Amino acid sequence: MNRGKVLELLGADWTRMTELIRSALVSDVPLANEINDGILAHPGKLLRPMISLLLARCCGALTPAGIRYAAAAELLHNATLIHDDVADDSSQRRGMPTLRSLVGPRAAVLVGDYWLARAVELMMGEGDDPQALRLLSALLVKMAEGEILQLQKAESCDTDEADYLRIISCKTASLFAFTGETAARSAAAPQPLAEAARAYAEAFGMAFQIRDDILDYCGEDSGKPVGQDLAERKITLPLIGALRGSDREADIRARVHGIPAHPEDRAYVRDFVLEHGGIAYARERLEEYVGEALRALEALPDTPERESLAEIARYNSFRNV
């Protein structure tokens, strides 16, 4: 994916969206501004607002509401990352120290709450579709349920593929789907286009998370320590794939459960995944979702924005960060 070309295509709309993110976070509390500026200095890929803006254009037109919805999606995303890092006791993200490690868990939770509240404000613009807030409420419930289910499964270590797909649908794909649906609604898109926008974004989100989980086993340059999921006893698709038909399943699951007491078993389980086709299995499922996203795009007008969305979908197949 040529990010520079996508941003060139979006032009002033991208500038307006990023400026809106920054202005939405302004506070009269100096410490809040200091922390927010530090986060904004390392913004990541901003894929969610990028996809949102492109889909809004594909669905008709990019309106002021569409720009606000795109900005809100990024604020929501960062709020969940901040909270996740506290819940997971993570010290690094995107190759940088997490907010939790810099200011402590208490302050990090409060900052995450602040970003979430500002996202809600952006969704409440005058004259906007009231359905957008209902979609936001449903999204927050789904994301919370995904986190709770993941927590439950990390304790039991009995995650199967259906559990895994539900978790990533709730935690990751739901926010992408939300960006697709709100982008379409902001453009007053007809139903076929709205359904295609949501389907594309949701399938992209599933592929995106599977790629992240592959990188946790073999992504040395991902900015996230390899094996972090295992350290947190998260059984993801590469391990699930490696366990298929294996007579060592009970032993491997027991080792994952015992990793907090025996961290050396992280290497043992990782080697098992690499030696028993776990990465190849996860890649196959990833490509299925990439294909699903590309098929959804066929319903959208053939424009440079649609081609950019196709490139972004294919990017999941080989990205290393």
C-alpha atoms as a PDB file:
ATOM      1  CA  MET A   1       0.000   0.000   0.000  1.00  0.00           C
ATOM      2  CA  ASN A   2       1.344   3.386  -1.014  1.00  0.00           C
ATOM      3  CA  ARG A   3       0.159   5.459   1.922  1.00  0.00           C
ATOM      4  CA  GLY A   4       1.474   8.674   0.385  1.00  0.00           C
ATOM      5  CA  LYS A   5      -0.676   8.216  -2.725  1.00  0.00           C
ATOM      6  CA  VAL A   6      -3.760   7.533  -0.618  1.00  0.00           C
ATOM      7  CA  LEU A   7      -3.197  10.688   1.411  1.00  0.00           C
ATOM      8  CA  GLU A   8      -2.627  12.650  -1.789  1.00  0.00           C
ATOM      9  CA  LEU A   9      -5.932  11.350  -3.112  1.00  0.00           C
ATOM     10  CA  LEU A  10      -7.736  12.372   0.077  1.00  0.00           C
ATOM     11  CA  GLY A  11      -5.997  15.751   0.040  1.00  0.00           C
ATOM     12  CA  ALA A  12      -7.654  18.504   2.067  1.00  0.00           C
ATOM     13  CA  ASP A  13     -10.203  16.085   3.489  1.00  0.00           C
ATOM     14  CA  TRP A  14      -7.411  14.193   5.225  1.00  0.00           C
ATOM     15  CA  THR A  15      -6.013  17.441   6.605  1.00  0.00           C
ATOM     16  CA  ARG A  16      -9.427  18.452   7.925  1.00  0.00           C
ATOM     17  CA  MET A  17      -9.885  15.084   9.585  1.00  0.00           C
ATOM     18  CA  THR A  18      -6.486  15.071  11.322  1.00  0.00           C
ATOM     19  CA  GLU A  19      -6.955  18.671  12.459  1.00  0.00           C
ATOM     20  CA  LEU A  20     -10.343  17.707  13.866  1.00  0.00           C
ATOM     21  CA  ILE A  21      -8.775  14.900  15.888  1.00  0.00           C
ATOM     22  CA  ARG A  22      -6.299  17.321  17.394  1.00  0.00           C
ATOM     23  CA  SER A  23      -8.853  20.060  18.117  1.00  0.00           C
ATOM     24  CA  ALA A  24     -11.323  17.583  19.623  1.00  0.00           C
ATOM     25  CA  LEU A  25      -8.762  16.625  22.252  1.00  0.00           C
ATOM     26  CA  VAL A  26      -7.954  20.147  23.442  1.00  0.00           C
ATOM     27  CA  SER A  27      -8.542  20.585  27.175  1.00  0.00           C
ATOM     28  CA  ASP A  28      -8.140  23.383  29.699  1.00  0.00           C
ATOM     29  CA  VAL A  29      -6.210  20.903  31.850  1.00  0.00           C
ATOM     30  CA  PRO A  30      -2.512  21.308  30.926  1.00  0.00           C
ATOM     31  CA  LEU A  31      -1.600  17.729  31.871  1.00  0.00           C
ATOM     32  CA  ALA A  32      -4.291  16.363  29.555  1.00  0.00           C
ATOM     33  CA  ASN A  33      -2.911  18.411  26.651  1.00  0.00           C
ATOM     34  CA  GLU A  34       0.633  17.296  27.404  1.00  0.00           C
ATOM     35  CA  ILE A  35      -0.328  13.612  27.418  1.00  0.00           C
ATOM     36  CA  ASN A  36      -2.532  13.932  24.331  1.00  0.00           C
ATOM     37  CA  ASP A  37       0.221  15.693  22.387  1.00  0.00           C
ATOM     38  CA  GLY A  38       2.581  12.864  23.263  1.00  0.00           C
ATOM     39  CA  ILE A  39       0.131  10.285  21.919  1.00  0.00           C
ATOM     40  CA  LEU A  40      -0.521  12.293  18.743  1.00  0.00           C
ATOM     41  CA  ALA A  41       3.213  12.497  18.083  1.00  0.00           C
ATOM     42  CA  HIS A  42       3.108   8.762  17.240  1.00  0.00           C
ATOM     43  CA  PRO A  43      -0.253   8.346  15.530  1.00  0.00           C
ATOM     44  CA  GLY A  44       0.227   4.942  13.901  1.00  0.00           C
ATOM     45  CA  LYS A  45      -1.275   4.045  10.538  1.00  0.00           C
ATOM     46  CA  LEU A  46      -4.685   5.764  10.982  1.00  0.00           C
ATOM     47  CA  LEU A  47      -6.233   3.021   8.878  1.00  0.00           C
ATOM     48  CA  ARG A  48      -9.710   3.363  10.316  1.00  0.00           C
ATOM     49  CA  PRO A  49     -10.245   7.021   9.393  1.00  0.00           C
ATOM     50  CA  MET A  50      -8.485   6.426   6.072  1.00  0.00           C
ATOM     51  CA  ILE A  51     -10.922   3.636   5.210  1.00  0.00           C
ATOM     52  CA  SER A  52     -13.841   5.699   6.490  1.00  0.00           C
ATOM     53  CA  LEU A  53     -13.046   8.681   4.254  1.00  0.00           C
ATOM     54  CA  LEU A  54     -12.474   6.506   1.186  1.00  0.00           C
ATOM     55  CA  LEU A  55     -15.713   4.592   1.730  1.00  0.00           C
ATOM     56  CA  ALA A  56     -17.717   7.780   2.219  1.00  0.00           C
ATOM     57  CA  ARG A  57     -16.451   9.048  -1.129  1.00  0.00           C
ATOM     58  CA  CYS A  58     -17.253   5.719  -2.775  1.00  0.00           C
ATOM     59  CA  CYS A  59     -20.764   5.790  -1.345  1.00  0.00           C
ATOM     60  CA  GLY A  60     -21.625   9.220  -2.675  1.00  0.00           C
ATOM     61  CA  ALA A  61     -19.931  12.169  -1.057  1.00  0.00           C
ATOM     62  CA  LEU A  62     -17.754  13.050   1.893  1.00  0.00           C
ATOM     63  CA  THR A  63     -19.775  15.351   4.154  1.00  0.00           C
ATOM     64  CA  PRO A  64     -18.802  17.174   7.375  1.00  0.00           C
ATOM     65  CA  ALA A  65     -20.483  14.354   9.261  1.00  0.00           C
ATOM     66  CA  GLY A  66     -18.326  11.846   7.394  1.00  0.00           C
ATOM     67  CA  ILE A  67     -15.172  13.673   8.461  1.00  0.00           C
ATOM     68  CA  ARG A  68     -16.345  13.726  12.074  1.00  0.00           C
ATOM     69  CA  TYR A  69     -17.232  10.032  12.013  1.00  0.00           C
ATOM     70  CA  ALA A  70     -13.784   9.215  10.636  1.00  0.00           C
ATOM     71  CA  ALA A  71     -12.099  11.238  13.377  1.00  0.00           C
ATOM     72  CA  ALA A  72     -14.310   9.615  16.016  1.00  0.00           C
ATOM     73  CA  ALA A  73     -13.284   6.152  14.829  1.00  0.00           C
ATOM     74  CA  GLU A  74      -9.633   6.990  15.420  1.00  0.00           C
ATOM     75  CA  LEU A  75     -10.347   8.406  18.876  1.00  0.00           C
ATOM     76  CA  LEU A  76     -12.298   5.258  19.738  1.00  0.00           C
ATOM     77  CA  HIS A  77      -9.476   3.077  18.478  1.00  0.00           C
ATOM     78  CA  ASN A  78      -6.877   4.842  20.572  1.00  0.00           C
ATOM     79  CA  ALA A  79      -9.105   4.794  23.651  1.00  0.00           C
ATOM     80  CA  THR A  80      -9.373   1.011  23.362  1.00  0.00           C
ATOM     81  CA  LEU A  81      -5.610   0.655  22.866  1.00  0.00           C
ATOM     82  CA  ILE A  82      -4.916   2.694  25.991  1.00  0.00           C
ATOM     83  CA  HIS A  83      -7.352   0.592  28.001  1.00  0.00           C
ATOM     84  CA  ASP A  84      -6.031  -2.658  26.506  1.00  0.00           C
ATOM     85  CA  ASP A  85      -2.479  -1.801  27.505  1.00  0.00           C
ATOM     86  CA  VAL A  86      -3.629  -1.286  31.079  1.00  0.00           C
ATOM     87  CA  ALA A  87      -5.627  -4.524  31.128  1.00  0.00           C
ATOM     88  CA  ASP A  88      -2.729  -6.478  29.574  1.00  0.00           C
ATOM     89  CA  ASP A  89      -0.024  -4.722  31.619  1.00  0.00           C
ATOM     90  CA  SER A  90       1.736  -3.952  28.313  1.00  0.00           C
ATOM     91  CA  SER A  91       4.910  -1.875  28.303  1.00  0.00           C
ATOM     92  CA  GLN A  92       5.352  -1.347  24.537  1.00  0.00           C
ATOM     93  CA  ARG A  93       3.204  -0.572  21.497  1.00  0.00           C
ATOM     94  CA  ARG A  94       4.229   0.557  17.987  1.00  0.00           C
ATOM     95  CA  GLY A  95       7.831   0.207  19.164  1.00  0.00           C
ATOM     96  CA  MET A  96       7.273   2.872  21.830  1.00  0.00           C
ATOM     97  CA  PRO A  97       6.526   2.792  25.577  1.00  0.00           C
ATOM     98  CA  THR A  98       2.802   2.519  26.295  1.00  0.00           C
ATOM     99  CA  LEU A  99       0.990   5.279  28.097  1.00  0.00           C
ATOM    100  CA  ARG A 100       0.516   2.884  31.013  1.00  0.00           C
ATOM    101  CA  SER A 101       4.269   2.506  31.357  1.00  0.00           C
ATOM    102  CA  LEU A 102       4.852   6.278  31.129  1.00  0.00           C
ATOM    103  CA  VAL A 103       2.179   7.672  33.438  1.00  0.00           C
ATOM    104  CA  GLY A 104       0.896   4.635  35.293  1.00  0.00           C
ATOM    105  CA  PRO A 105      -2.328   2.634  34.921  1.00  0.00           C
ATOM    106  CA  ARG A 106      -4.564   5.059  36.825  1.00  0.00           C
ATOM    107  CA  ALA A 107      -3.756   8.055  34.648  1.00  0.00           C
ATOM    108  CA  ALA A 108      -3.829   5.917  31.484  1.00  0.00           C
ATOM    109  CA  VAL A 109      -7.376   4.720  32.189  1.00  0.00           C
ATOM    110  CA  LEU A 110      -8.504   8.315  32.698  1.00  0.00           C
ATOM    111  CA  VAL A 111      -6.891   9.422  29.428  1.00  0.00           C
ATOM    112  CA  GLY A 112      -8.554   6.522  27.623  1.00  0.00           C
ATOM    113  CA  ASP A 113     -11.884   7.608  29.080  1.00  0.00           C
ATOM    114  CA  TYR A 114     -11.215  11.159  27.876  1.00  0.00           C
ATOM    115  CA  TRP A 115     -10.556  10.006  24.302  1.00  0.00           C
ATOM    116  CA  LEU A 116     -13.703   7.877  24.392  1.00  0.00           C
ATOM    117  CA  ALA A 117     -15.806  10.804  25.624  1.00  0.00           C
ATOM    118  CA  ARG A 118     -14.426  13.077  22.898  1.00  0.00           C
ATOM    119  CA  ALA A 119     -15.264  10.414  20.297  1.00  0.00           C
ATOM    120  CA  VAL A 120     -18.859  10.354  21.519  1.00  0.00           C
ATOM    121  CA  GLU A 121     -19.007  14.157  21.206  1.00  0.00           C
ATOM    122  CA  LEU A 122     -17.886  13.933  17.584  1.00  0.00           C
ATOM    123  CA  MET A 123     -20.678  11.464  16.864  1.00  0.00           C
ATOM    124  CA  MET A 124     -23.283  13.918  18.220  1.00  0.00           C
ATOM    125  CA  GLY A 125     -23.088  16.682  15.641  1.00  0.00           C
ATOM    126  CA  GLU A 126     -26.097  18.863  14.985  1.00  0.00           C
ATOM    127  CA  GLY A 127     -28.489  17.403  12.443  1.00  0.00           C
ATOM    128  CA  ASP A 128     -26.730  14.032  12.318  1.00  0.00           C
ATOM    129  CA  ASP A 129     -28.404  10.677  11.851  1.00  0.00           C
ATOM    130  CA  PRO A 130     -29.536   9.505  15.329  1.00  0.00           C
ATOM    131  CA  GLN A 131     -28.868   5.943  14.222  1.00  0.00           C
ATOM    132  CA  ALA A 132     -25.149   6.723  14.374  1.00  0.00           C
ATOM    133  CA  LEU A 133     -25.304   6.932  18.179  1.00  0.00           C
ATOM    134  CA  ARG A 134     -27.186   3.641  18.359  1.00  0.00           C
ATOM    135  CA  LEU A 135     -24.465   2.088  16.243  1.00  0.00           C
ATOM    136  CA  LEU A 136     -21.866   3.527  18.614  1.00  0.00           C
ATOM    137  CA  SER A 137     -23.652   2.091  21.644  1.00  0.00           C
ATOM    138  CA  ALA A 138     -23.875  -1.342  20.034  1.00  0.00           C
ATOM    139  CA  LEU A 139     -20.188  -1.147  19.097  1.00  0.00           C
ATOM    140  CA  LEU A 140     -19.076  -0.362  22.645  1.00  0.00           C
ATOM    141  CA  VAL A 141     -21.113  -3.267  24.026  1.00  0.00           C
ATOM    142  CA  LYS A 142     -19.645  -5.646  21.466  1.00  0.00           C
ATOM    143  CA  MET A 143     -16.066  -4.538  22.095  1.00  0.00           C
ATOM    144  CA  ALA A 144     -16.510  -4.915  25.853  1.00  0.00           C
ATOM    145  CA  GLU A 145     -17.980  -8.392  25.414  1.00  0.00           C
ATOM    146  CA  GLY A 146     -15.021  -9.369  23.267  1.00  0.00           C
ATOM    147  CA  GLU A 147     -12.592  -8.245  25.944  1.00  0.00           C
ATOM    148  CA  ILE A 148     -14.468 -10.138  28.645  1.00  0.00           C
ATOM    149  CA  LEU A 149     -14.647 -13.301  26.538  1.00  0.00           C
ATOM    150  CA  GLN A 150     -10.928 -13.071  25.805  1.00  0.00           C
ATOM    151  CA  LEU A 151     -10.251 -12.697  29.519  1.00  0.00           C
ATOM    152  CA  GLN A 152     -12.373 -15.750  30.263  1.00  0.00           C
ATOM    153  CA  LYS A 153     -10.644 -17.826  27.608  1.00  0.00           C
ATOM    154  CA  ALA A 154      -7.173 -16.755  28.779  1.00  0.00           C
ATOM    155  CA  GLU A 155      -8.021 -18.270  32.146  1.00  0.00           C
ATOM    156  CA  SER A 156      -9.453 -21.527  30.772  1.00  0.00           C
ATOM    157  CA  CYS A 157      -7.086 -21.834  27.754  1.00  0.00           C
ATOM    158  CA  ASP A 158      -9.772 -23.746  25.861  1.00  0.00           C
ATOM    159  CA  THR A 159     -10.178 -21.260  22.997  1.00  0.00           C
ATOM    160  CA  ASP A 160     -11.284 -22.976  19.793  1.00  0.00           C
ATOM    161  CA  GLU A 161     -11.585 -21.428  16.343  1.00  0.00           C
ATOM    162  CA  ALA A 162     -15.193 -20.330  16.831  1.00  0.00           C
ATOM    163  CA  ASP A 163     -14.236 -18.604  20.098  1.00  0.00           C
ATOM    164  CA  TYR A 164     -11.266 -16.938  18.431  1.00  0.00           C
ATOM    165  CA  LEU A 165     -13.301 -15.645  15.495  1.00  0.00           C
ATOM    166  CA  ARG A 166     -15.929 -14.255  17.848  1.00  0.00           C
ATOM    167  CA  ILE A 167     -13.279 -12.503  19.940  1.00  0.00           C
ATOM    168  CA  ILE A 168     -11.596 -10.809  16.980  1.00  0.00           C
ATOM    169  CA  SER A 169     -14.952  -9.945  15.451  1.00  0.00           C
ATOM    170  CA  CYS A 170     -15.918  -8.153  18.661  1.00  0.00           C
ATOM    171  CA  LYS A 171     -12.568  -6.596  19.521  1.00  0.00           C
ATOM    172  CA  THR A 172     -11.232  -5.583  16.102  1.00  0.00           C
ATOM    173  CA  ALA A 173     -13.543  -6.149  13.156  1.00  0.00           C
ATOM    174  CA  SER A 174     -16.524  -4.481  14.852  1.00  0.00           C
ATOM    175  CA  LEU A 175     -14.801  -1.081  14.909  1.00  0.00           C
ATOM    176  CA  PHE A 176     -13.831  -1.401  11.246  1.00  0.00           C
ATOM    177  CA  ALA A 177     -17.429  -2.408  10.424  1.00  0.00           C
ATOM    178  CA  PHE A 178     -18.635   0.618  12.370  1.00  0.00           C
ATOM    179  CA  THR A 179     -16.424   2.897  10.255  1.00  0.00           C
ATOM    180  CA  GLY A 180     -17.833   1.375   7.088  1.00  0.00           C
ATOM    181  CA  GLU A 181     -21.444   1.654   8.180  1.00  0.00           C
ATOM    182  CA  THR A 182     -21.184   5.204   9.526  1.00  0.00           C
ATOM    183  CA  ALA A 183     -19.262   6.327   6.436  1.00  0.00           C
ATOM    184  CA  ALA A 184     -22.074   5.016   4.236  1.00  0.00           C
ATOM    185  CA  ARG A 185     -24.751   6.623   6.404  1.00  0.00           C
ATOM    186  CA  SER A 186     -22.952   9.977   6.342  1.00  0.00           C
ATOM    187  CA  ALA A 187     -23.116   9.848   2.541  1.00  0.00           C
ATOM    188  CA  ALA A 188     -26.792   8.788   2.525  1.00  0.00           C
ATOM    189  CA  ALA A 189     -25.751   5.755   0.499  1.00  0.00           C
ATOM    190  CA  PRO A 190     -28.381   3.422  -0.978  1.00  0.00           C
ATOM    191  CA  GLN A 191     -28.684   0.080   0.804  1.00  0.00           C
ATOM    192  CA  PRO A 192     -26.541  -1.987  -1.605  1.00  0.00           C
ATOM    193  CA  LEU A 193     -23.623   0.422  -1.238  1.00  0.00           C
ATOM    194  CA  ALA A 194     -24.051   0.640   2.533  1.00  0.00           C
ATOM    195  CA  GLU A 195     -24.012  -3.154   2.830  1.00  0.00           C
ATOM    196  CA  ALA A 196     -20.910  -3.358   0.647  1.00  0.00           C
ATOM    197  CA  ALA A 197     -19.109  -0.705   2.721  1.00  0.00           C
ATOM    198  CA  ARG A 198     -19.806  -2.541   5.962  1.00  0.00           C
ATOM    199  CA  ALA A 199     -18.921  -5.943   4.472  1.00  0.00           C
ATOM    200  CA  TYR A 200     -15.607  -4.640   3.140  1.00  0.00           C
ATOM    201  CA  ALA A 201     -14.621  -2.998   6.413  1.00  0.00           C
ATOM    202  CA  GLU A 202     -15.631  -5.977   8.552  1.00  0.00           C
ATOM    203  CA  ALA A 203     -13.742  -8.486   6.402  1.00  0.00           C
ATOM    204  CA  PHE A 204     -10.738  -6.169   6.383  1.00  0.00           C
ATOM    205  CA  GLY A 205     -10.844  -6.042  10.176  1.00  0.00           C
ATOM    206  CA  MET A 206     -10.880  -9.822  10.475  1.00  0.00           C
ATOM    207  CA  ALA A 207      -7.887 -10.105   8.135  1.00  0.00           C
ATOM    208  CA  PHE A 208      -6.097  -7.298   9.961  1.00  0.00           C
ATOM    209  CA  GLN A 209      -6.325  -9.042  13.327  1.00  0.00           C
ATOM    210  CA  ILE A 210      -5.287 -12.408  11.938  1.00  0.00           C
ATOM    211  CA  ARG A 211      -2.228 -10.737  10.441  1.00  0.00           C
ATOM    212  CA  ASP A 212      -1.423  -9.180  13.816  1.00  0.00           C
ATOM    213  CA  ASP A 213      -1.689 -12.595  15.433  1.00  0.00           C
ATOM    214  CA  ILE A 214       0.633 -14.120  12.829  1.00  0.00           C
ATOM    215  CA  LEU A 215       3.151 -11.357  13.526  1.00  0.00           C
ATOM    216  CA  ASP A 216       3.071 -12.254  17.209  1.00  0.00           C
ATOM    217  CA  TYR A 217       4.773 -15.508  16.205  1.00  0.00           C
ATOM    218  CA  CYS A 218       7.088 -14.367  13.426  1.00  0.00           C
ATOM    219  CA  GLY A 219       7.049 -10.555  13.206  1.00  0.00           C
ATOM    220  CA  GLU A 220      10.398  -9.462  14.561  1.00  0.00           C
ATOM    221  CA  ASP A 221       9.947  -5.879  13.316  1.00  0.00           C
ATOM    222  CA  SER A 222       6.300  -5.354  14.242  1.00  0.00           C
ATOM    223  CA  GLY A 223       6.973  -2.945  17.113  1.00  0.00           C
ATOM    224  CA  LYS A 224       5.363  -5.396  19.500  1.00  0.00           C
ATOM    225  CA  PRO A 225       7.378  -8.014  21.397  1.00  0.00           C
ATOM    226  CA  VAL A 226       7.059 -11.430  19.724  1.00  0.00           C
ATOM    227  CA  GLY A 227       5.198 -13.878  21.936  1.00  0.00           C
ATOM    228  CA  GLN A 228       3.221 -11.247  23.829  1.00  0.00           C
ATOM    229  CA  ASP A 229      -0.067 -13.052  23.203  1.00  0.00           C
ATOM    230  CA  LEU A 230       1.328 -16.245  24.686  1.00  0.00           C
ATOM    231  CA  ALA A 231       2.635 -14.306  27.677  1.00  0.00           C
ATOM    232  CA  GLU A 232      -0.981 -13.247  28.243  1.00  0.00           C
ATOM    233  CA  ARG A 233      -2.241 -16.832  27.603  1.00  0.00           C
ATOM    234  CA  LYS A 234      -4.127 -15.788  24.470  1.00  0.00           C
ATOM    235  CA  ILE A 235      -4.651 -18.709  22.124  1.00  0.00           C
ATOM    236  CA  THR A 236      -4.854 -17.249  18.621  1.00  0.00           C
ATOM    237  CA  LEU A 237      -5.319 -18.674  15.143  1.00  0.00           C
ATOM    238  CA  PRO A 238      -1.717 -19.788  14.449  1.00  0.00           C
ATOM    239  CA  LEU A 239      -1.772 -21.988  17.552  1.00  0.00           C
ATOM    240  CA  ILE A 240      -5.303 -23.185  16.849  1.00  0.00           C
ATOM    241  CA  GLY A 241      -4.189 -24.159  13.344  1.00  0.00           C
ATOM    242  CA  ALA A 242      -1.133 -26.008  14.634  1.00  0.00           C
ATOM    243  CA  LEU A 243      -3.267 -27.947  17.131  1.00  0.00           C
ATOM    244  CA  ARG A 244      -5.645 -29.309  14.489  1.00  0.00           C
ATOM    245  CA  GLY A 245      -5.427 -33.091  14.630  1.00  0.00           C
ATOM    246  CA  SER A 246      -2.471 -33.005  17.023  1.00  0.00           C
ATOM    247  CA  ASP A 247      -2.120 -35.608  19.773  1.00  0.00           C
ATOM    248  CA  ARG A 248      -0.237 -32.994  21.803  1.00  0.00           C
ATOM    249  CA  GLU A 249      -3.165 -30.623  22.220  1.00  0.00           C
ATOM    250  CA  ALA A 250      -3.718 -31.265  25.933  1.00  0.00           C
ATOM    251  CA  ASP A 251      -0.011 -30.814  26.690  1.00  0.00           C
ATOM    252  CA  ILE A 252       0.287 -27.616  24.648  1.00  0.00           C
ATOM    253  CA  ARG A 253      -2.809 -26.060  26.195  1.00  0.00           C
ATOM    254  CA  ALA A 254      -1.533 -26.957  29.665  1.00  0.00           C
ATOM    255  CA  ARG A 255       1.790 -25.301  28.867  1.00  0.00           C
ATOM    256  CA  VAL A 256       0.013 -22.126  27.712  1.00  0.00           C
ATOM    257  CA  HIS A 257      -1.981 -22.093  30.933  1.00  0.00           C
ATOM    258  CA  GLY A 258       1.220 -22.420  32.943  1.00  0.00           C
ATOM    259  CA  ILE A 259       3.232 -19.742  31.123  1.00  0.00           C
ATOM    260  CA  PRO A 260       2.984 -17.162  33.953  1.00  0.00           C
ATOM    261  CA  ALA A 261       4.837 -19.614  36.204  1.00  0.00           C
ATOM    262  CA  HIS A 262       6.992 -21.088  33.418  1.00  0.00           C
ATOM    263  CA  PRO A 263       7.717 -18.314  30.885  1.00  0.00           C
ATOM    264  CA  GLU A 264      10.296 -20.532  29.170  1.00  0.00           C
ATOM    265  CA  ASP A 265       7.376 -22.480  27.685  1.00  0.00           C
ATOM    266  CA  ARG A 266       6.589 -19.531  25.409  1.00  0.00           C
ATOM    267  CA  ALA A 267       9.493 -20.601  23.181  1.00  0.00           C
ATOM    268  CA  TYR A 268       8.344 -24.228  23.308  1.00  0.00           C
ATOM    269  CA  VAL A 269       4.810 -23.362  22.180  1.00  0.00           C
ATOM    270  CA  ARG A 270       6.071 -20.930  19.541  1.00  0.00           C
ATOM    271  CA  ASP A 271       8.318 -23.617  18.087  1.00  0.00           C
ATOM    272  CA  PHE A 272       5.371 -26.013  18.031  1.00  0.00           C
ATOM    273  CA  VAL A 273       3.326 -23.506  16.011  1.00  0.00           C
ATOM    274  CA  LEU A 274       6.143 -22.832  13.536  1.00  0.00           C
ATOM    275  CA  GLU A 275       6.843 -26.558  13.074  1.00  0.00           C
ATOM    276  CA  HIS A 276       3.242 -27.729  12.700  1.00  0.00           C
ATOM    277  CA  GLY A 277       1.794 -25.458  10.026  1.00  0.00           C
ATOM    278  CA  GLY A 278       0.135 -22.926  12.293  1.00  0.00           C
ATOM    279  CA  ILE A 279       1.346 -19.913  10.322  1.00  0.00           C
ATOM    280  CA  ALA A 280       0.300 -21.416   6.992  1.00  0.00           C
ATOM    281  CA  TYR A 281      -3.162 -22.222   8.350  1.00  0.00           C
ATOM    282  CA  ALA A 282      -3.642 -18.687   9.657  1.00  0.00           C
ATOM    283  CA  ARG A 283      -2.433 -17.236   6.358  1.00  0.00           C
ATOM    284  CA  GLU A 284      -5.024 -19.292   4.490  1.00  0.00           C
ATOM    285  CA  ARG A 285      -7.815 -17.894   6.643  1.00  0.00           C
ATOM    286  CA  LEU A 286      -6.381 -14.383   6.284  1.00  0.00           C
ATOM    287  CA  GLU A 287      -6.501 -14.667   2.498  1.00  0.00           C
ATOM    288  CA  GLU A 288     -10.124 -15.790   2.689  1.00  0.00           C
ATOM    289  CA  TYR A 289     -11.039 -12.551   4.442  1.00  0.00           C
ATOM    290  CA  VAL A 290      -8.933 -10.474   2.043  1.00  0.00           C
ATOM    291  CA  GLY A 291     -10.864 -12.090  -0.806  1.00  0.00           C
ATOM    292  CA  GLU A 292     -14.143 -11.360   0.959  1.00  0.00           C
ATOM    293  CA  ALA A 293     -13.194  -7.696   1.312  1.00  0.00           C
ATOM    294  CA  LEU A 294     -12.223  -7.432  -2.358  1.00  0.00           C
ATOM    295  CA  ARG A 295     -15.496  -9.043  -3.474  1.00  0.00           C
ATOM    296  CA  ALA A 296     -17.470  -6.560  -1.385  1.00  0.00           C
ATOM    297  CA  LEU A 297     -15.794  -3.704  -3.255  1.00  0.00           C
ATOM    298  CA  GLU A 298     -17.243  -4.909  -6.558  1.00  0.00           C
ATOM    299  CA  ALA A 299     -20.565  -3.327  -5.583  1.00  0.00           C
ATOM    300  CA  LEU A 300     -18.978   0.123  -5.250  1.00  0.00           C
ATOM    301  CA  PRO A 301     -18.327   2.531  -8.155  1.00  0.00           C
ATOM    302  CA  ASP A 302     -15.049   2.013 -10.015  1.00  0.00           C
ATOM    303  CA  THR A 303     -13.102   5.029  -8.762  1.00  0.00           C
ATOM    304  CA  PRO A 304      -9.581   5.785  -7.553  1.00  0.00           C
ATOM    305  CA  GLU A 305     -10.971   5.527  -4.006  1.00  0.00           C
ATOM    306  CA  ARG A 306     -12.163   1.974  -4.650  1.00  0.00           C
ATOM    307  CA  GLU A 307      -8.762   1.025  -6.021  1.00  0.00           C
ATOM    308  CA  SER A 308      -7.111   2.465  -2.926  1.00  0.00           C
ATOM    309  CA  LEU A 309      -9.415   0.371  -0.758  1.00  0.00           C
ATOM    310  CA  ALA A 310      -8.430  -2.710  -2.745  1.00  0.00           C
ATOM    311  CA  GLU A 311      -4.745  -1.942  -2.217  1.00  0.00           C
ATOM    312  CA  ILE A 312      -5.352  -1.489   1.498  1.00  0.00           C
ATOM    313  CA  ALA A 313      -7.089  -4.871   1.656  1.00  0.00           C
ATOM    314  CA  ARG A 314      -4.193  -6.596  -0.138  1.00  0.00           C
ATOM    315  CA  TYR A 315      -1.777  -4.890   2.249  1.00  0.00           C
ATOM    316  CA  ASN A 316      -2.940  -7.294   4.945  1.00  0.00           C
ATOM    317  CA  SER A 317      -1.323 -10.172   3.113  1.00  0.00           C
ATOM    318  CA  PHE A 318       2.236  -8.987   3.616  1.00  0.00           C
ATOM    319  CA  ARG A 319       2.442  -6.106   6.108  1.00  0.00           C
ATOM    320  CA  ASN A 320       5.097  -6.433   8.830  1.00  0.00           C
ATOM    321  CA  VAL A 321       3.790  -3.753  11.218  1.00  0.00           C
END
